[in-house]
Protein backbone atom coordinates (compact mmCIF):
# COMPACT_ATOMS: atom_id res chain seq x y z
CA MET A 1 -13.07 16.14 -14.98
CA VAL A 2 -14.26 12.88 -13.60
CA LYS A 3 -18.02 12.31 -14.43
CA LYS A 4 -20.52 9.53 -14.19
CA VAL A 5 -20.78 7.73 -17.74
CA LYS A 6 -23.44 5.40 -18.74
CA GLU A 7 -22.69 1.86 -18.68
CA GLY A 8 -22.43 -0.26 -21.71
CA SER A 9 -24.87 -2.79 -20.37
CA ALA A 10 -27.30 -3.11 -17.67
CA PRO A 11 -25.58 -3.06 -13.91
CA ILE A 12 -24.87 -6.36 -12.28
CA PRO A 13 -27.63 -7.33 -9.92
CA PRO A 14 -26.48 -6.46 -6.19
CA SER A 15 -26.23 -10.32 -5.53
CA GLU A 16 -23.66 -10.63 -7.95
CA ALA A 17 -21.27 -8.13 -6.42
CA PRO A 18 -17.91 -10.15 -6.12
CA SER A 19 -16.15 -11.56 -3.13
CA VAL A 20 -12.43 -11.14 -2.38
CA ASN A 21 -9.94 -13.49 -0.81
CA VAL A 22 -7.69 -11.45 1.46
CA GLY A 23 -4.54 -12.73 3.08
CA ILE A 24 -4.43 -11.97 6.60
CA MET A 25 -1.38 -13.46 8.32
CA THR A 26 1.06 -16.23 7.91
CA GLU A 27 1.91 -18.28 11.15
CA LYS A 28 2.68 -21.69 12.29
CA LEU A 29 0.09 -21.42 15.16
CA VAL A 30 -3.13 -19.77 14.60
CA THR A 31 -5.67 -18.95 17.38
CA PHE A 32 -9.10 -17.96 16.43
CA VAL A 33 -12.55 -17.52 18.01
CA PHE A 34 -15.84 -17.91 16.37
CA ASN A 35 -18.32 -15.25 17.75
CA GLU A 36 -21.34 -16.92 16.28
CA THR A 37 -21.79 -20.49 14.85
CA TYR A 38 -19.47 -21.45 11.93
CA VAL A 39 -19.56 -24.68 9.79
CA HIS A 40 -16.57 -26.75 9.10
CA THR A 41 -17.20 -27.45 5.58
CA GLN A 42 -14.98 -30.52 5.25
CA ASN A 43 -17.04 -32.54 7.95
CA GLY A 44 -20.25 -30.45 8.55
CA GLU A 45 -19.49 -29.60 12.20
CA PHE A 46 -20.94 -26.67 13.73
CA LEU A 47 -18.23 -24.81 15.93
CA SER A 48 -18.08 -21.76 18.16
CA GLY A 49 -15.56 -20.34 20.70
CA GLU A 50 -11.91 -20.36 20.83
CA HIS A 51 -9.76 -22.90 18.46
CA ARG A 52 -6.29 -23.55 17.41
CA ALA A 53 -4.69 -24.54 14.33
CA LEU A 54 -1.10 -25.78 14.12
CA PHE A 55 1.31 -26.46 11.37
CA VAL A 56 3.07 -29.77 11.78
CA ASN A 57 5.17 -31.68 8.90
CA GLY A 58 3.41 -29.94 6.07
CA ASN A 59 -0.01 -30.23 7.44
CA ILE A 60 -2.64 -28.24 9.52
CA VAL A 61 -3.39 -29.98 13.01
CA PHE A 62 -7.11 -29.27 14.05
CA ASN A 63 -8.94 -31.05 16.60
CA GLY A 64 -6.56 -34.17 16.28
CA LYS A 65 -7.00 -34.52 12.45
CA LEU A 66 -4.60 -33.36 9.74
CA TYR A 67 -5.60 -31.30 6.87
CA ASP A 68 -3.89 -29.29 4.07
CA GLU A 69 -6.88 -26.60 4.07
CA LEU A 70 -9.50 -25.79 6.51
CA PHE A 71 -12.55 -23.84 5.50
CA PHE A 72 -15.22 -22.21 7.72
CA GLU A 73 -18.48 -20.65 6.43
CA PRO A 74 -20.45 -18.32 8.78
CA SER A 75 -23.84 -19.44 9.77
CA SER A 76 -25.29 -16.00 9.08
CA PRO A 77 -24.15 -12.71 7.24
CA THR A 78 -23.68 -11.01 10.61
CA ALA A 79 -21.29 -13.73 11.95
CA SER A 80 -17.84 -12.91 12.83
CA PHE A 81 -14.40 -14.52 13.99
CA ASP A 82 -11.61 -13.13 15.83
CA LEU A 83 -7.78 -13.63 14.85
CA LYS A 84 -5.52 -13.41 17.75
CA ALA A 85 -1.89 -11.48 17.29
CA VAL A 86 -2.32 -10.22 13.72
CA THR A 87 0.69 -8.40 12.62
CA ILE A 88 0.05 -5.03 11.20
CA GLY A 89 2.53 -2.69 9.50
CA VAL A 90 4.69 -5.33 8.46
CA ASP A 91 8.51 -4.19 8.13
CA PHE A 92 7.44 -0.52 8.78
CA HIS A 93 8.54 1.51 11.78
CA TRP A 94 5.33 1.07 13.63
CA GLN A 95 4.98 -2.73 13.17
CA ARG A 96 2.94 -4.24 16.01
CA LYS A 97 0.22 -7.20 16.78
CA GLU A 98 -3.28 -6.68 17.65
CA ASP A 99 -6.30 -8.97 17.74
CA GLN A 100 -8.72 -8.30 14.75
CA ARG A 101 -12.36 -9.36 14.07
CA PHE A 102 -13.67 -10.22 10.42
CA ARG A 103 -16.93 -11.11 8.92
CA GLY A 104 -17.31 -13.70 6.20
CA ALA A 105 -15.45 -17.03 5.75
CA LEU A 106 -12.33 -18.22 7.11
CA ASP A 107 -9.94 -20.29 5.07
CA MET A 108 -6.56 -21.76 6.15
CA VAL A 109 -4.04 -23.35 3.57
CA VAL A 110 -0.65 -24.68 4.11
CA SER A 111 1.85 -22.82 2.13
CA GLY A 112 5.61 -23.54 2.53
CA GLU A 113 6.32 -23.94 6.38
CA SER A 114 3.17 -22.12 7.46
CA ILE A 115 -0.38 -21.62 7.66
CA VAL A 116 -1.89 -18.83 5.47
CA VAL A 117 -4.81 -17.34 6.87
CA ILE A 118 -7.49 -16.09 4.29
CA ASN A 119 -10.75 -14.09 4.77
CA GLN A 120 -13.25 -14.57 1.99
CA VAL A 121 -15.74 -11.63 2.26
CA ASP A 122 -17.99 -9.45 0.07
CA VAL A 123 -16.26 -6.64 -1.82
CA GLU A 124 -18.44 -3.81 0.07
CA GLU A 125 -18.15 -5.41 3.40
CA TYR A 126 -14.13 -5.39 2.58
CA LEU A 127 -14.18 -1.77 1.49
CA SER A 128 -16.06 -0.54 4.42
CA SER A 129 -13.18 -1.84 6.51
CA VAL A 130 -10.54 -0.44 4.19
CA ILE A 131 -11.47 3.21 4.16
CA SER A 132 -11.61 2.72 8.24
CA SER A 133 -8.16 1.17 8.17
CA GLU A 134 -6.23 3.27 5.74
CA MET A 135 -7.52 6.38 7.47
CA SER A 136 -9.86 7.48 10.41
CA ALA A 137 -13.48 6.67 9.45
CA THR A 138 -14.27 10.20 10.91
CA ALA A 139 -12.88 11.83 7.88
CA SER A 140 -14.85 14.20 5.77
CA ALA A 141 -17.59 12.26 3.62
CA GLU A 142 -16.24 13.37 0.21
CA PHE A 143 -12.66 12.20 1.01
CA LEU A 144 -14.13 8.90 2.11
CA LYS A 145 -16.22 8.51 -0.82
CA ALA A 146 -13.25 9.26 -3.03
CA HIS A 147 -11.16 6.66 -1.12
CA ALA A 148 -13.86 4.15 -1.39
CA VAL A 149 -14.02 4.48 -5.31
CA ILE A 150 -10.32 4.35 -5.88
CA SER A 151 -10.04 1.09 -3.31
CA ARG A 152 -12.75 -0.75 -5.06
CA SER A 153 -11.19 0.36 -8.55
CA TRP A 154 -7.74 -0.72 -7.41
CA LEU A 155 -9.12 -4.22 -5.76
CA LEU A 156 -11.05 -5.05 -9.12
CA ALA A 157 -8.06 -3.92 -11.19
CA GLN A 158 -5.83 -6.42 -9.22
CA MET A 159 -8.12 -9.34 -9.54
CA GLU A 160 -8.36 -8.78 -13.29
CA LYS A 161 -4.65 -8.78 -13.26
CA ASN A 162 -4.29 -11.88 -11.25
CA ASN A 163 -6.48 -13.57 -13.93
CA ARG A 164 -4.33 -12.39 -16.67
CA LEU A 165 -0.98 -13.34 -15.03
CA ASN A 166 -2.62 -16.76 -14.22
CA ASP A 167 -3.37 -17.61 -17.88
CA GLU A 168 -1.23 -20.32 -19.15
CA HIS A 169 -0.66 -18.38 -22.26
CA ALA A 170 0.30 -15.11 -20.67
CA PRO A 171 4.09 -14.29 -20.92
CA ALA A 172 6.11 -14.38 -17.95
CA TYR A 173 5.91 -11.50 -15.50
CA GLN A 174 9.13 -10.18 -14.25
CA THR A 175 9.72 -7.63 -11.26
CA THR A 176 13.48 -7.96 -10.89
CA TYR A 177 16.29 -7.20 -13.34
CA ARG A 178 19.72 -7.89 -12.01
CA THR A 179 23.29 -7.70 -13.55
CA ASP A 180 26.87 -7.29 -12.33
CA GLU A 181 26.48 -3.47 -12.19
CA GLU A 182 22.80 -2.92 -10.87
CA LEU A 183 19.60 -4.43 -9.24
CA ILE A 184 16.40 -3.02 -10.58
CA ARG A 185 13.33 -4.30 -8.50
CA TRP A 186 9.92 -3.13 -7.79
CA TYR A 187 7.34 -4.64 -5.56
CA ASP A 188 3.87 -4.97 -6.21
CA ARG A 189 1.48 -7.68 -5.32
CA GLU A 190 2.11 -10.41 -7.97
CA ASP A 191 3.65 -12.82 -5.26
CA HIS A 192 0.26 -13.35 -3.77
CA THR A 193 -0.55 -16.45 -5.83
CA ILE A 194 -3.12 -18.11 -3.37
CA PHE A 195 -5.34 -15.15 -2.37
CA ASP A 196 -6.30 -11.90 -4.31
CA VAL A 197 -4.79 -9.23 -2.06
CA CYS A 198 -3.09 -8.99 1.43
CA ALA A 199 -4.42 -6.96 4.32
CA ASP A 200 -1.14 -4.73 4.86
CA ASP A 201 0.40 -1.74 3.35
CA HIS A 202 1.66 -3.82 0.57
CA CYS A 203 -1.77 -4.01 -0.77
CA GLN A 204 -4.15 -1.84 1.04
CA ARG A 205 -4.79 -1.93 4.83
CA TYR A 206 -7.68 -4.29 5.85
CA GLN A 207 -8.31 -4.98 9.53
CA GLY A 208 -11.71 -6.33 9.33
CA VAL A 209 -14.45 -4.81 11.68
CA THR A 210 -11.69 -4.04 14.39
CA ARG A 211 -11.59 -0.70 12.64
CA ALA A 212 -15.31 -0.39 13.53
CA SER A 213 -16.93 1.48 10.72
CA THR A 214 -18.73 4.56 11.96
CA PRO A 215 -22.31 5.20 10.28
CA LEU A 216 -20.72 7.84 8.00
CA ALA A 217 -18.41 5.14 6.49
CA THR A 218 -21.05 2.47 6.01
CA GLU A 219 -22.96 5.17 4.40
CA VAL A 220 -20.25 6.31 2.28
CA ILE A 221 -19.86 2.54 0.91
CA ARG A 222 -23.49 2.44 0.16
CA GLU A 223 -23.59 5.63 -1.62
CA THR A 224 -20.73 4.72 -4.06
CA ARG A 225 -21.72 0.89 -4.18
CA GLY A 226 -20.20 -0.47 -7.34
CA GLU A 227 -18.53 2.85 -8.51
CA ILE A 228 -14.99 2.45 -10.02
CA LEU A 229 -12.76 4.50 -12.07
CA VAL A 230 -12.18 3.55 -15.85
CA HIS A 231 -10.20 4.70 -18.58
CA ASP A 232 -10.62 3.75 -22.29
CA GLY A 233 -12.88 1.38 -20.92
CA ALA A 234 -10.52 -0.65 -18.56
CA ILE A 235 -10.56 -0.23 -14.77
CA CYS A 236 -8.02 2.12 -13.52
CA ASP A 237 -5.03 0.84 -11.33
CA THR A 238 -5.85 3.42 -8.67
CA ARG A 239 -2.75 3.66 -6.44
CA PHE A 240 -2.61 6.14 -3.39
CA SER A 241 0.03 6.90 -0.82
CA LYS A 242 0.13 9.07 2.44
CA CYS A 243 1.59 12.34 1.37
CA CYS A 244 3.20 12.99 -2.41
CA GLY A 245 5.43 15.74 -1.01
CA GLY A 246 3.97 18.30 -3.42
CA ILE A 247 4.07 16.55 -6.62
CA THR A 248 2.66 13.08 -7.60
CA GLU A 249 4.86 10.61 -9.29
CA LYS A 250 4.36 8.62 -12.51
CA PHE A 251 3.32 4.91 -12.34
CA GLU A 252 6.33 3.74 -14.37
CA HIS A 253 8.77 5.24 -12.24
CA VAL A 254 7.86 3.05 -9.26
CA TRP A 255 6.49 -0.03 -10.85
CA GLU A 256 6.59 -1.95 -14.20
CA PRO A 257 7.70 0.78 -17.10
CA VAL A 258 4.10 0.87 -18.54
CA PRO A 259 2.69 4.42 -18.46
CA HIS A 260 -1.03 5.00 -17.20
CA PRO A 261 -2.27 8.35 -18.51
CA TYR A 262 -4.27 8.79 -15.28
CA LEU A 263 -1.28 8.12 -12.98
CA THR A 264 0.86 10.94 -14.01
CA ALA A 265 2.80 13.81 -12.34
CA LEU A 266 0.70 16.94 -11.11
CA ARG A 267 1.06 19.58 -8.72
CA ASP A 268 -0.98 18.76 -5.40
CA SER A 269 -2.33 22.41 -5.35
CA ARG A 270 -4.57 24.72 -7.34
CA GLU A 271 -1.57 25.74 -9.42
CA ASP A 272 -0.57 23.46 -12.45
CA GLY A 273 3.11 24.29 -13.04
CA PHE A 274 6.15 22.83 -11.30
CA PRO A 275 9.77 22.38 -11.93
CA ASP A 276 11.43 19.48 -13.65
CA LEU A 277 12.41 17.58 -10.53
CA ARG A 278 14.30 14.95 -12.83
CA ILE A 279 16.99 17.57 -12.98
CA GLU A 280 19.21 17.25 -9.88
CA ALA A 281 19.52 20.90 -9.13
CA GLU A 282 15.67 21.50 -9.31
CA ALA A 283 14.98 18.50 -7.17
CA GLY A 284 17.47 20.01 -4.53
CA LYS A 285 15.73 23.20 -4.73
CA TRP A 286 12.27 21.56 -4.33
CA ILE A 287 13.05 19.22 -1.59
CA ARG A 288 15.01 21.75 0.57
CA THR A 289 12.22 24.24 0.68
CA SER A 290 8.41 23.78 1.69
CA PRO A 291 6.28 24.81 -1.27
CA ALA A 292 2.54 25.14 -0.81
CA ALA A 293 0.56 22.15 -1.49
CA PHE A 294 -2.86 20.39 -0.32
CA CYS A 295 -0.73 17.92 1.60
CA ASN A 296 1.57 20.63 3.21
CA THR A 297 -0.28 20.77 6.44
CA GLN A 298 0.00 20.64 10.06
CA ASP A 299 -3.82 20.88 10.75
CA LYS A 300 -4.19 18.26 13.83
CA ASP A 301 -8.19 18.22 13.13
CA ILE A 302 -7.49 17.05 9.55
CA LEU A 303 -4.55 14.91 10.24
CA SER A 304 -6.48 13.14 13.00
CA GLN A 305 -9.12 12.19 10.26
CA VAL A 306 -6.48 10.90 7.83
CA LEU A 307 -4.20 9.15 10.23
CA ASN A 308 -4.95 6.38 12.63
CA ASN A 309 -3.25 6.59 16.08
CA TYR A 310 -0.17 4.81 14.94
CA ASP A 311 0.06 6.91 11.81
CA GLN A 312 0.07 9.75 13.93
CA GLU A 313 3.40 8.86 15.43
CA THR A 314 5.02 10.11 12.17
CA THR A 315 4.78 13.99 12.06
CA ASP A 316 7.34 15.08 9.77
CA PHE A 317 5.72 13.58 6.48
CA TYR A 318 5.93 16.57 4.24
CA ARG A 319 9.59 17.29 4.69
CA TRP A 320 11.87 15.12 6.65
CA GLN A 321 15.56 14.40 7.59
CA VAL A 322 17.54 11.27 8.62
CA ALA A 323 21.33 11.30 9.55
CA TYR A 324 23.67 8.29 9.65
CA SER A 325 27.26 8.23 10.91
CA GLN A 326 29.84 6.53 8.43
CA GLU A 327 29.68 3.32 10.44
CA GLN A 328 25.73 3.23 10.85
CA LEU A 329 25.41 3.68 6.97
CA SER A 330 27.98 1.28 5.88
CA GLU A 331 26.56 -1.34 8.32
CA LEU A 332 23.12 -0.69 7.44
CA ILE A 333 23.56 -0.99 3.76
CA ALA A 334 25.78 -4.12 4.05
CA ARG A 335 22.97 -5.84 6.16
CA LYS A 336 20.10 -4.79 4.06
CA SER A 337 21.56 -5.36 0.60
CA GLY A 338 23.68 -8.40 1.39
CA ILE A 339 26.48 -6.56 -0.33
CA ASP A 340 29.86 -5.47 1.44
CA PHE A 341 30.59 -2.03 0.15
CA GLY A 342 33.13 -1.24 2.54
CA TRP A 343 33.04 2.25 3.69
CA ILE A 344 30.55 4.32 1.68
CA ILE A 345 32.07 7.33 -0.19
CA ASP A 346 28.95 8.57 -1.94
CA LEU A 347 25.20 8.05 -2.77
CA ILE A 348 24.65 9.45 -6.25
CA PRO A 349 21.08 9.60 -7.77
CA LEU A 350 21.28 8.36 -11.32
CA ARG A 351 17.62 8.95 -12.23
CA ARG A 352 14.79 10.70 -10.68
CA GLY A 353 11.12 10.55 -11.44
CA ALA A 354 8.86 13.69 -12.06
CA SER A 355 8.28 14.19 -8.38
CA GLY A 356 12.07 13.99 -7.52
CA ARG A 357 11.81 10.48 -6.15
CA ILE A 358 15.00 8.58 -6.93
CA GLU A 359 14.54 5.56 -9.32
CA LYS A 360 18.03 4.62 -9.67
CA LEU A 361 20.74 5.20 -6.83
CA LYS A 362 24.31 4.38 -7.30
CA ILE A 363 26.06 3.25 -3.97
CA LEU A 364 29.83 3.97 -4.23
CA GLY A 365 31.91 2.20 -1.61
CA SER A 366 35.46 1.62 -0.86
CA ARG A 367 35.36 -2.00 -2.41
CA LEU A 368 32.67 -1.72 -4.95
CA SER A 369 30.04 0.28 -6.34
CA TYR A 370 26.51 -0.85 -7.33
CA THR A 371 23.28 0.74 -8.66
CA ILE A 372 19.86 -0.21 -7.01
CA GLY A 373 16.24 0.72 -7.81
CA LYS A 374 13.23 1.33 -7.71
CA GLU A 375 11.87 3.46 -4.97
CA LEU A 376 10.97 0.86 -2.59
CA GLU A 377 14.13 -1.01 -2.95
CA ILE A 378 16.15 2.16 -2.16
CA ARG A 379 13.84 3.03 0.81
CA ARG A 380 14.50 -0.55 2.31
CA THR A 381 18.14 -0.64 1.64
CA LEU A 382 18.62 2.70 3.52
CA SER A 383 16.41 2.26 6.41
CA GLU A 384 15.89 -0.32 9.19
CA THR A 385 12.45 -0.42 7.99
CA HIS A 386 11.36 2.11 5.07
CA LEU A 387 12.62 5.68 4.50
CA TYR A 388 9.45 7.64 4.12
CA SER A 389 10.24 8.10 0.43
CA SER A 390 12.85 7.94 -2.04
CA ALA A 391 12.45 11.69 -2.84
CA PHE A 392 15.67 12.93 -1.02
CA VAL A 393 18.78 14.75 -1.61
CA ILE A 394 22.15 13.80 0.27
CA ASP A 395 24.65 15.94 2.26
CA LYS A 396 27.99 14.61 3.57
CA GLU A 397 30.13 15.76 6.15
CA PRO A 398 33.87 15.38 5.53
CA GLY A 399 35.74 12.82 7.54
CA GLU A 400 39.14 11.23 7.61
CA GLU A 401 41.15 9.70 4.48
CA GLY A 402 38.45 11.04 2.04
CA PHE A 403 35.47 9.04 3.84
CA PRO A 404 32.42 11.06 4.72
CA ARG A 405 32.08 11.26 8.50
CA ARG A 406 28.28 11.64 8.21
CA PHE A 407 25.61 11.58 5.71
CA ILE A 408 22.39 13.61 5.97
CA LEU A 409 19.22 12.56 3.85
CA THR A 410 16.79 15.41 3.40
CA GLY A 411 13.29 14.29 1.83
CA ALA A 412 9.92 14.93 0.74
CA GLY A 413 6.73 13.11 1.06
CA TRP A 414 5.58 9.66 2.67
CA GLY A 415 5.28 6.77 0.33
CA HIS A 416 5.55 6.12 -3.34
CA GLY A 417 3.59 9.39 -4.37
CA VAL A 418 1.64 7.81 -7.21
CA GLY A 419 -2.17 8.71 -7.60
CA LEU A 420 -4.12 9.93 -4.91
CA CYS A 421 -2.21 11.84 -2.07
CA GLN A 422 -4.19 10.75 1.07
CA ILE A 423 -3.34 13.89 3.27
CA GLY A 424 -3.84 16.06 0.11
CA ALA A 425 -7.32 14.51 -0.68
CA ALA A 426 -8.44 15.06 3.14
CA VAL A 427 -7.48 18.81 2.89
CA MET A 428 -9.41 19.06 -0.38
CA GLY A 429 -12.42 17.44 1.32
CA ALA A 430 -12.07 19.67 4.36
CA ARG A 431 -12.06 22.64 2.01
CA GLY A 432 -15.46 21.68 0.24
CA TYR A 433 -14.17 19.70 -2.76
CA ASP A 434 -16.62 16.94 -3.50
CA TYR A 435 -15.48 13.43 -4.37
CA ARG A 436 -15.64 13.81 -8.13
CA GLN A 437 -13.58 16.93 -8.02
CA ILE A 438 -10.93 15.09 -5.71
CA LEU A 439 -10.86 12.11 -8.18
CA ALA A 440 -10.59 14.36 -11.14
CA HIS A 441 -7.38 16.16 -9.42
CA TYR A 442 -5.51 12.93 -8.95
CA PHE A 443 -6.73 10.66 -11.88
CA PRO A 444 -6.89 13.00 -14.82
CA GLY A 445 -8.89 11.68 -17.73
CA ALA A 446 -10.57 8.95 -15.67
CA GLU A 447 -14.33 8.37 -15.39
CA ILE A 448 -16.70 7.05 -12.71
CA GLU A 449 -18.55 3.97 -13.77
CA LYS A 450 -21.25 2.01 -11.81
CA ARG A 451 -20.35 -1.68 -12.38
CA TYR A 452 -22.95 -3.32 -10.08
């Protein structure tokens, strides 16, 4: 059971709550509006209203001068600024642009051939937006509390990990393994070297005060202030996804092969037992049916609490199906992988995780065969954006000369499936579970600790 534990030392004073640097966008032209007075720290100038920054020949051009970095401090804790045309849902099926409003400081840094826009903001302010950006701020209080705790835990764990990776004595960190026969790659957030976390689904959604926090969301952050999950004294790397598909996945099947006891496989229901979905036949039975689970719901009231307006465009998240003609699939795989397989003969799961998500997939073509993994690499290769998950089975319709005419992928879940299942947790909240019970279900063995 997740429970509160005594801290080893006195809590950090509220004034010492950390701040976080969030990467918002990368563009050559940035249009921003100061809604109150901001201070340009390089020259002490006080600014308000609309401004533009332009990347030119390795510099930021602002008000007729050249900079490699611009930093603007707010004049008051309530001051805000707007960023125009921020891309959200990068590379996902619902990608779009919107104007967003933020509190805190505005930082712009030259990186490569663009300007990286960073928001420096208090962690608790950041979290009030996250729980309103990841889902609707009208969700149940207990679900929002659970999400506040895991979002805070994940953020602080990533900031600690950043410090470890940046240590000059730390061993080289590797996320890609490539041979002549296979490419195994996972996507975490280690490529974020000039800020702590990004603002999109690659990390956790942060859309500033654009997702106006309701009084409930604000109260939830206040009530859980400083609370994190810990295991054996370390901050938990608390992951989450939209819908696990009935069984959560182990961390090591999605990211680096380092097990975390609290990120394990479990049935998303009151039942404990589940089949061994690493076995192909068992995975097929599970995915082709619709077993009872917290996240197996079509309750519109609950889904409207969990899913923002653009997420609600996706309705078939628990079980889904995608079909490709031979021509569509062979062209798609060649374009997304950069490898010309010729006609696709077969897609062969070589290794599945505990939730049935494919960790290694062999693509057998008329010209060559090659194995890819892990789950996100598979999802990106077999879709224009992302497959909902890598928990799928493959059916083939016979064609001419031994080449399938059509491939049908039948799948389960939405996302990587590790840790908290957002739709399942929302159902638990609606059924009267409190946030400690929700956290205990998805992160077995973890404990709540108040850090500040």
